[in-house]
PDB file of N, CA and C in Angstrom:
ATOM      1  N   MET A   1      22.011  -3.167  -8.134  1.00  0.00           N
ATOM      2  CA  MET A   1      20.918  -3.779  -8.851  1.00  0.00           C
ATOM      3  C   MET A   1      19.991  -2.673  -9.321  1.00  0.00           C
ATOM      4  N   SER A   2      19.638  -2.689 -10.600  1.00  0.00           N
ATOM      5  CA  SER A   2      18.788  -1.647 -11.147  1.00  0.00           C
ATOM      6  C   SER A   2      17.418  -2.173 -11.549  1.00  0.00           C
ATOM      7  N   ALA A   3      17.057  -3.339 -11.107  1.00  0.00           N
ATOM      8  CA  ALA A   3      15.758  -3.915 -11.443  1.00  0.00           C
ATOM      9  C   ALA A   3      14.641  -3.100 -10.809  1.00  0.00           C
ATOM     10  N   GLU A   4      13.501  -3.059 -11.494  1.00  0.00           N
ATOM     11  CA  GLU A   4      12.357  -2.344 -10.945  1.00  0.00           C
ATOM     12  C   GLU A   4      11.653  -3.158  -9.874  1.00  0.00           C
ATOM     13  N   SER A   5      11.802  -4.475  -9.936  1.00  0.00           N
ATOM     14  CA  SER A   5      11.247  -5.320  -8.883  1.00  0.00           C
ATOM     15  C   SER A   5      12.219  -6.459  -8.610  1.00  0.00           C
ATOM     16  N   ALA A   6      12.159  -6.983  -7.409  1.00  0.00           N
ATOM     17  CA  ALA A   6      13.099  -8.027  -7.009  1.00  0.00           C
ATOM     18  C   ALA A   6      12.488  -8.884  -5.911  1.00  0.00           C
ATOM     19  N   GLU A   7      13.042 -10.064  -5.777  1.00  0.00           N
ATOM     20  CA  GLU A   7      12.692 -10.950  -4.668  1.00  0.00           C
ATOM     21  C   GLU A   7      13.846 -10.897  -3.681  1.00  0.00           C
ATOM     22  N   ILE A   8      13.510 -10.959  -2.403  1.00  0.00           N
ATOM     23  CA  ILE A   8      14.536 -10.842  -1.368  1.00  0.00           C
ATOM     24  C   ILE A   8      14.335 -11.911  -0.308  1.00  0.00           C
ATOM     25  N   ARG A   9      15.448 -12.365   0.230  1.00  0.00           N
ATOM     26  CA  ARG A   9      15.380 -13.249   1.390  1.00  0.00           C
ATOM     27  C   ARG A   9      16.663 -13.091   2.189  1.00  0.00           C
ATOM     28  N   VAL A  10      16.584 -13.485   3.440  1.00  0.00           N
ATOM     29  CA  VAL A  10      17.742 -13.445   4.328  1.00  0.00           C
ATOM     30  C   VAL A  10      18.129 -14.885   4.639  1.00  0.00           C
ATOM     31  N   ASP A  11      19.383 -15.220   4.396  1.00  0.00           N
ATOM     32  CA  ASP A  11      19.897 -16.545   4.735  1.00  0.00           C
ATOM     33  C   ASP A  11      20.156 -16.554   6.240  1.00  0.00           C
ATOM     34  N   ARG A  12      19.273 -17.184   6.971  1.00  0.00           N
ATOM     35  CA  ARG A  12      19.352 -17.166   8.436  1.00  0.00           C
ATOM     36  C   ARG A  12      20.552 -17.949   8.963  1.00  0.00           C
ATOM     37  N   THR A  13      21.157 -18.786   8.137  1.00  0.00           N
ATOM     38  CA  THR A  13      22.360 -19.488   8.580  1.00  0.00           C
ATOM     39  C   THR A  13      23.578 -18.569   8.553  1.00  0.00           C
ATOM     40  N   LYS A  14      23.479 -17.451   7.832  1.00  0.00           N
ATOM     41  CA  LYS A  14      24.588 -16.498   7.750  1.00  0.00           C
ATOM     42  C   LYS A  14      24.375 -15.254   8.608  1.00  0.00           C
ATOM     43  N   CYS A  15      23.119 -14.899   8.865  1.00  0.00           N
ATOM     44  CA  CYS A  15      22.818 -13.666   9.598  1.00  0.00           C
ATOM     45  C   CYS A  15      23.347 -13.757  11.031  1.00  0.00           C
ATOM     46  N   CYS A  16      24.078 -12.717  11.441  1.00  0.00           N
ATOM     47  CA  CYS A  16      24.602 -12.650  12.810  1.00  0.00           C
ATOM     48  C   CYS A  16      23.893 -11.588  13.645  1.00  0.00           C
ATOM     49  N   GLY A  17      22.889 -10.929  13.057  1.00  0.00           N
ATOM     50  CA  GLY A  17      22.088  -9.973  13.806  1.00  0.00           C
ATOM     51  C   GLY A  17      22.741  -8.630  14.062  1.00  0.00           C
ATOM     52  N   TYR A  18      23.642  -8.201  13.190  1.00  0.00           N
ATOM     53  CA  TYR A  18      24.289  -6.899  13.377  1.00  0.00           C
ATOM     54  C   TYR A  18      23.298  -5.739  13.244  1.00  0.00           C
ATOM     55  N   GLY A  19      22.253  -5.921  12.451  1.00  0.00           N
ATOM     56  CA  GLY A  19      21.233  -4.887  12.293  1.00  0.00           C
ATOM     57  C   GLY A  19      21.561  -3.804  11.285  1.00  0.00           C
ATOM     58  N   ILE A  20      22.625  -3.975  10.532  1.00  0.00           N
ATOM     59  CA  ILE A  20      22.979  -2.981   9.519  1.00  0.00           C
ATOM     60  C   ILE A  20      21.866  -2.866   8.484  1.00  0.00           C
ATOM     61  N   CYS A  21      21.251  -3.978   8.143  1.00  0.00           N
ATOM     62  CA  CYS A  21      20.169  -3.959   7.155  1.00  0.00           C
ATOM     63  C   CYS A  21      18.974  -3.152   7.653  1.00  0.00           C
ATOM     64  N   THR A  22      18.649  -3.267   8.925  1.00  0.00           N
ATOM     65  CA  THR A  22      17.502  -2.522   9.449  1.00  0.00           C
ATOM     66  C   THR A  22      17.792  -1.029   9.522  1.00  0.00           C
ATOM     67  N   GLU A  23      19.055  -0.671   9.676  1.00  0.00           N
ATOM     68  CA  GLU A  23      19.430   0.743   9.662  1.00  0.00           C
ATOM     69  C   GLU A  23      19.440   1.290   8.239  1.00  0.00           C
ATOM     70  N   THR A  24      19.885   0.470   7.291  1.00  0.00           N
ATOM     71  CA  THR A  24      19.993   0.883   5.900  1.00  0.00           C
ATOM     72  C   THR A  24      18.638   0.891   5.197  1.00  0.00           C
ATOM     73  N   ALA A  25      17.813  -0.100   5.475  1.00  0.00           N
ATOM     74  CA  ALA A  25      16.517  -0.244   4.798  1.00  0.00           C
ATOM     75  C   ALA A  25      15.429  -0.632   5.800  1.00  0.00           C
ATOM     76  N   PRO A  26      15.047   0.289   6.678  1.00  0.00           N
ATOM     77  CA  PRO A  26      14.076  -0.049   7.729  1.00  0.00           C
ATOM     78  C   PRO A  26      12.689  -0.421   7.213  1.00  0.00           C
ATOM     79  N   ARG A  27      12.345   0.008   5.987  1.00  0.00           N
ATOM     80  CA  ARG A  27      11.049  -0.391   5.417  1.00  0.00           C
ATOM     81  C   ARG A  27      11.067  -1.838   4.940  1.00  0.00           C
ATOM     82  N   VAL A  28      12.260  -2.382   4.737  1.00  0.00           N
ATOM     83  CA  VAL A  28      12.401  -3.715   4.151  1.00  0.00           C
ATOM     84  C   VAL A  28      12.702  -4.776   5.205  1.00  0.00           C
ATOM     85  N   PHE A  29      13.526  -4.446   6.195  1.00  0.00           N
ATOM     86  CA  PHE A  29      14.003  -5.436   7.159  1.00  0.00           C
ATOM     87  C   PHE A  29      13.562  -5.126   8.582  1.00  0.00           C
ATOM     88  N   ARG A  30      13.398  -6.180   9.353  1.00  0.00           N
ATOM     89  CA  ARG A  30      13.126  -6.100  10.792  1.00  0.00           C
ATOM     90  C   ARG A  30      13.983  -7.162  11.473  1.00  0.00           C
ATOM     91  N   LEU A  31      14.284  -6.930  12.745  1.00  0.00           N
ATOM     92  CA  LEU A  31      14.942  -7.958  13.546  1.00  0.00           C
ATOM     93  C   LEU A  31      13.865  -8.708  14.306  1.00  0.00           C
ATOM     94  N   ASP A  32      13.976 -10.030  14.342  1.00  0.00           N
ATOM     95  CA  ASP A  32      12.991 -10.830  15.066  1.00  0.00           C
ATOM     96  C   ASP A  32      13.308 -10.839  16.560  1.00  0.00           C
ATOM     97  N   GLU A  33      12.546 -11.591  17.319  1.00  0.00           N
ATOM     98  CA  GLU A  33      12.711 -11.622  18.778  1.00  0.00           C
ATOM     99  C   GLU A  33      14.071 -12.175  19.213  1.00  0.00           C
ATOM    100  N   MET A  34      14.734 -12.905  18.324  1.00  0.00           N
ATOM    101  CA  MET A  34      16.063 -13.436  18.627  1.00  0.00           C
ATOM    102  C   MET A  34      17.180 -12.500  18.147  1.00  0.00           C
ATOM    103  N   GLY A  35      16.794 -11.410  17.472  1.00  0.00           N
ATOM    104  CA  GLY A  35      17.774 -10.444  17.003  1.00  0.00           C
ATOM    105  C   GLY A  35      18.301 -10.692  15.607  1.00  0.00           C
ATOM    106  N   PHE A  36      17.663 -11.589  14.860  1.00  0.00           N
ATOM    107  CA  PHE A  36      18.091 -11.885  13.497  1.00  0.00           C
ATOM    108  C   PHE A  36      17.178 -11.200  12.494  1.00  0.00           C
ATOM    109  N   ALA A  37      17.743 -10.846  11.354  1.00  0.00           N
ATOM    110  CA  ALA A  37      17.002 -10.100  10.340  1.00  0.00           C
ATOM    111  C   ALA A  37      16.053 -10.989   9.556  1.00  0.00           C
ATOM    112  N   HIS A  38      14.969 -10.375   9.137  1.00  0.00           N
ATOM    113  CA  HIS A  38      14.082 -10.996   8.158  1.00  0.00           C
ATOM    114  C   HIS A  38      13.499  -9.889   7.301  1.00  0.00           C
ATOM    115  N   ALA A  39      13.126 -10.246   6.074  1.00  0.00           N
ATOM    116  CA  ALA A  39      12.525  -9.281   5.163  1.00  0.00           C
ATOM    117  C   ALA A  39      11.044  -9.182   5.472  1.00  0.00           C
ATOM    118  N   GLU A  40      10.532  -7.958   5.467  1.00  0.00           N
ATOM    119  CA  GLU A  40       9.109  -7.739   5.727  1.00  0.00           C
ATOM    120  C   GLU A  40       8.247  -8.387   4.654  1.00  0.00           C
ATOM    121  N   THR A  41       8.753  -8.439   3.434  1.00  0.00           N
ATOM    122  CA  THR A  41       8.042  -9.045   2.318  1.00  0.00           C
ATOM    123  C   THR A  41       9.062  -9.703   1.415  1.00  0.00           C
ATOM    124  N   GLY A  42       8.650 -10.681   0.659  1.00  0.00           N
ATOM    125  CA  GLY A  42       9.570 -11.364  -0.241  1.00  0.00           C
ATOM    126  C   GLY A  42       9.741 -10.662  -1.571  1.00  0.00           C
ATOM    127  N   GLU A  43       8.805  -9.756  -1.903  1.00  0.00           N
ATOM    128  CA  GLU A  43       8.855  -9.058  -3.180  1.00  0.00           C
ATOM    129  C   GLU A  43       8.964  -7.555  -2.949  1.00  0.00           C
ATOM    130  N   LEU A  44       9.826  -6.921  -3.729  1.00  0.00           N
ATOM    131  CA  LEU A  44      10.073  -5.491  -3.587  1.00  0.00           C
ATOM    132  C   LEU A  44       9.898  -4.790  -4.921  1.00  0.00           C
ATOM    133  N   SER A  45       9.610  -3.501  -4.859  1.00  0.00           N
ATOM    134  CA  SER A  45       9.564  -2.692  -6.071  1.00  0.00           C
ATOM    135  C   SER A  45       9.967  -1.265  -5.729  1.00  0.00           C
ATOM    136  N   GLY A  46      10.250  -0.499  -6.762  1.00  0.00           N
ATOM    137  CA  GLY A  46      10.571   0.915  -6.590  1.00  0.00           C
ATOM    138  C   GLY A  46      11.806   1.159  -5.741  1.00  0.00           C
ATOM    139  N   THR A  47      11.712   2.158  -4.859  1.00  0.00           N
ATOM    140  CA  THR A  47      12.871   2.542  -4.047  1.00  0.00           C
ATOM    141  C   THR A  47      13.259   1.466  -3.041  1.00  0.00           C
ATOM    142  N   ALA A  48      12.334   0.579  -2.701  1.00  0.00           N
ATOM    143  CA  ALA A  48      12.661  -0.502  -1.764  1.00  0.00           C
ATOM    144  C   ALA A  48      13.724  -1.425  -2.349  1.00  0.00           C
ATOM    145  N   VAL A  49      13.731  -1.599  -3.680  1.00  0.00           N
ATOM    146  CA  VAL A  49      14.758  -2.431  -4.321  1.00  0.00           C
ATOM    147  C   VAL A  49      16.127  -1.791  -4.112  1.00  0.00           C
ATOM    148  N   LYS A  50      16.209  -0.486  -4.315  1.00  0.00           N
ATOM    149  CA  LYS A  50      17.483   0.225  -4.134  1.00  0.00           C
ATOM    150  C   LYS A  50      17.952   0.132  -2.686  1.00  0.00           C
ATOM    151  N   GLU A  51      17.048   0.347  -1.747  1.00  0.00           N
ATOM    152  CA  GLU A  51      17.403   0.272  -0.328  1.00  0.00           C
ATOM    153  C   GLU A  51      17.870  -1.133   0.047  1.00  0.00           C
ATOM    154  N   ALA A  52      17.171  -2.151  -0.454  1.00  0.00           N
ATOM    155  CA  ALA A  52      17.556  -3.532  -0.158  1.00  0.00           C
ATOM    156  C   ALA A  52      18.917  -3.867  -0.760  1.00  0.00           C
ATOM    157  N   ALA A  53      19.191  -3.350  -1.958  1.00  0.00           N
ATOM    158  CA  ALA A  53      20.494  -3.582  -2.591  1.00  0.00           C
ATOM    159  C   ALA A  53      21.611  -2.944  -1.772  1.00  0.00           C
ATOM    160  N   GLU A  54      21.366  -1.750  -1.247  1.00  0.00           N
ATOM    161  CA  GLU A  54      22.362  -1.092  -0.394  1.00  0.00           C
ATOM    162  C   GLU A  54      22.588  -1.896   0.883  1.00  0.00           C
ATOM    163  N   ALA A  55      21.520  -2.428   1.450  1.00  0.00           N
ATOM    164  CA  ALA A  55      21.641  -3.250   2.657  1.00  0.00           C
ATOM    165  C   ALA A  55      22.407  -4.534   2.358  1.00  0.00           C
ATOM    166  N   ALA A  56      22.136  -5.139   1.204  1.00  0.00           N
ATOM    167  CA  ALA A  56      22.837  -6.370   0.826  1.00  0.00           C
ATOM    168  C   ALA A  56      24.334  -6.115   0.689  1.00  0.00           C
ATOM    169  N   GLU A  57      24.691  -4.989   0.096  1.00  0.00           N
ATOM    170  CA  GLU A  57      26.108  -4.644  -0.049  1.00  0.00           C
ATOM    171  C   GLU A  57      26.758  -4.371   1.303  1.00  0.00           C
ATOM    172  N   ALA A  58      25.994  -3.823   2.237  1.00  0.00           N
ATOM    173  CA  ALA A  58      26.535  -3.465   3.551  1.00  0.00           C
ATOM    174  C   ALA A  58      26.610  -4.647   4.516  1.00  0.00           C
ATOM    175  N   CYS A  59      25.901  -5.720   4.231  1.00  0.00           N
ATOM    176  CA  CYS A  59      25.857  -6.868   5.144  1.00  0.00           C
ATOM    177  C   CYS A  59      27.227  -7.552   5.210  1.00  0.00           C
ATOM    178  N   PRO A  60      27.866  -7.559   6.374  1.00  0.00           N
ATOM    179  CA  PRO A  60      29.200  -8.155   6.481  1.00  0.00           C
ATOM    180  C   PRO A  60      29.200  -9.673   6.320  1.00  0.00           C
ATOM    181  N   GLU A  61      28.063 -10.309   6.512  1.00  0.00           N
ATOM    182  CA  GLU A  61      27.985 -11.769   6.399  1.00  0.00           C
ATOM    183  C   GLU A  61      27.412 -12.226   5.061  1.00  0.00           C
ATOM    184  N   HIS A  62      27.057 -11.273   4.196  1.00  0.00           N
ATOM    185  CA  HIS A  62      26.474 -11.578   2.880  1.00  0.00           C
ATOM    186  C   HIS A  62      25.251 -12.478   3.014  1.00  0.00           C
ATOM    187  N   ALA A  63      24.408 -12.143   3.979  1.00  0.00           N
ATOM    188  CA  ALA A  63      23.233 -12.964   4.277  1.00  0.00           C
ATOM    189  C   ALA A  63      21.993 -12.555   3.492  1.00  0.00           C
ATOM    190  N   ILE A  64      22.055 -11.451   2.774  1.00  0.00           N
ATOM    191  CA  ILE A  64      20.891 -10.953   2.038  1.00  0.00           C
ATOM    192  C   ILE A  64      21.003 -11.363   0.578  1.00  0.00           C
ATOM    193  N   ILE A  65      19.982 -12.060   0.097  1.00  0.00           N
ATOM    194  CA  ILE A  65      19.946 -12.510  -1.288  1.00  0.00           C
ATOM    195  C   ILE A  65      18.864 -11.721  -2.003  1.00  0.00           C
ATOM    196  N   LEU A  66      19.261 -10.965  -3.003  1.00  0.00           N
ATOM    197  CA  LEU A  66      18.361 -10.117  -3.770  1.00  0.00           C
ATOM    198  C   LEU A  66      18.431 -10.563  -5.220  1.00  0.00           C
ATOM    199  N   SER A  67      17.297 -10.964  -5.786  1.00  0.00           N
ATOM    200  CA  SER A  67      17.251 -11.475  -7.152  1.00  0.00           C
ATOM    201  C   SER A  67      16.248 -10.677  -7.971  1.00  0.00           C
ATOM    202  N   PRO A  68      16.615 -10.293  -9.206  1.00  0.00           N
ATOM    203  CA  PRO A  68      15.645  -9.612 -10.059  1.00  0.00           C
ATOM    204  C   PRO A  68      14.406 -10.491 -10.231  1.00  0.00           C
ATOM    205  N   ARG A  69      13.266  -9.871 -10.199  1.00  0.00           N
ATOM    206  CA  ARG A  69      12.015 -10.620 -10.326  1.00  0.00           C
ATOM    207  C   ARG A  69      11.691 -10.788 -11.800  1.00  0.00           C
ATOM    208  N   THR A  70      11.399 -12.008 -12.182  1.00  0.00           N
ATOM    209  CA  THR A  70      11.005 -12.290 -13.556  1.00  0.00           C
ATOM    210  C   THR A  70       9.494 -12.349 -13.640  1.00  0.00           C
ATOM    211  N   VAL A  71       8.976 -11.844 -14.728  1.00  0.00           N
ATOM    212  CA  VAL A  71       7.519 -11.794 -14.895  1.00  0.00           C
ATOM    213  C   VAL A  71       7.057 -12.933 -15.756  1.00  0.00           C
TER     214      VAL A  71
END
């Protein structure tokens, strides 16, 4: 994804808590008290978009949804 800004969310029904996203994009993702990922913010810009896209590609459960932000 080459968008300058994007919206992100984690599909909690798909997340298995592997933590690959937190390793790939620690500024974007955190694991909650149950060990499942969530995005720190719903809107991203700059290098955070690139990091989130890499995490989305690396997620084995395809639980990360990254959409270009429309203005």
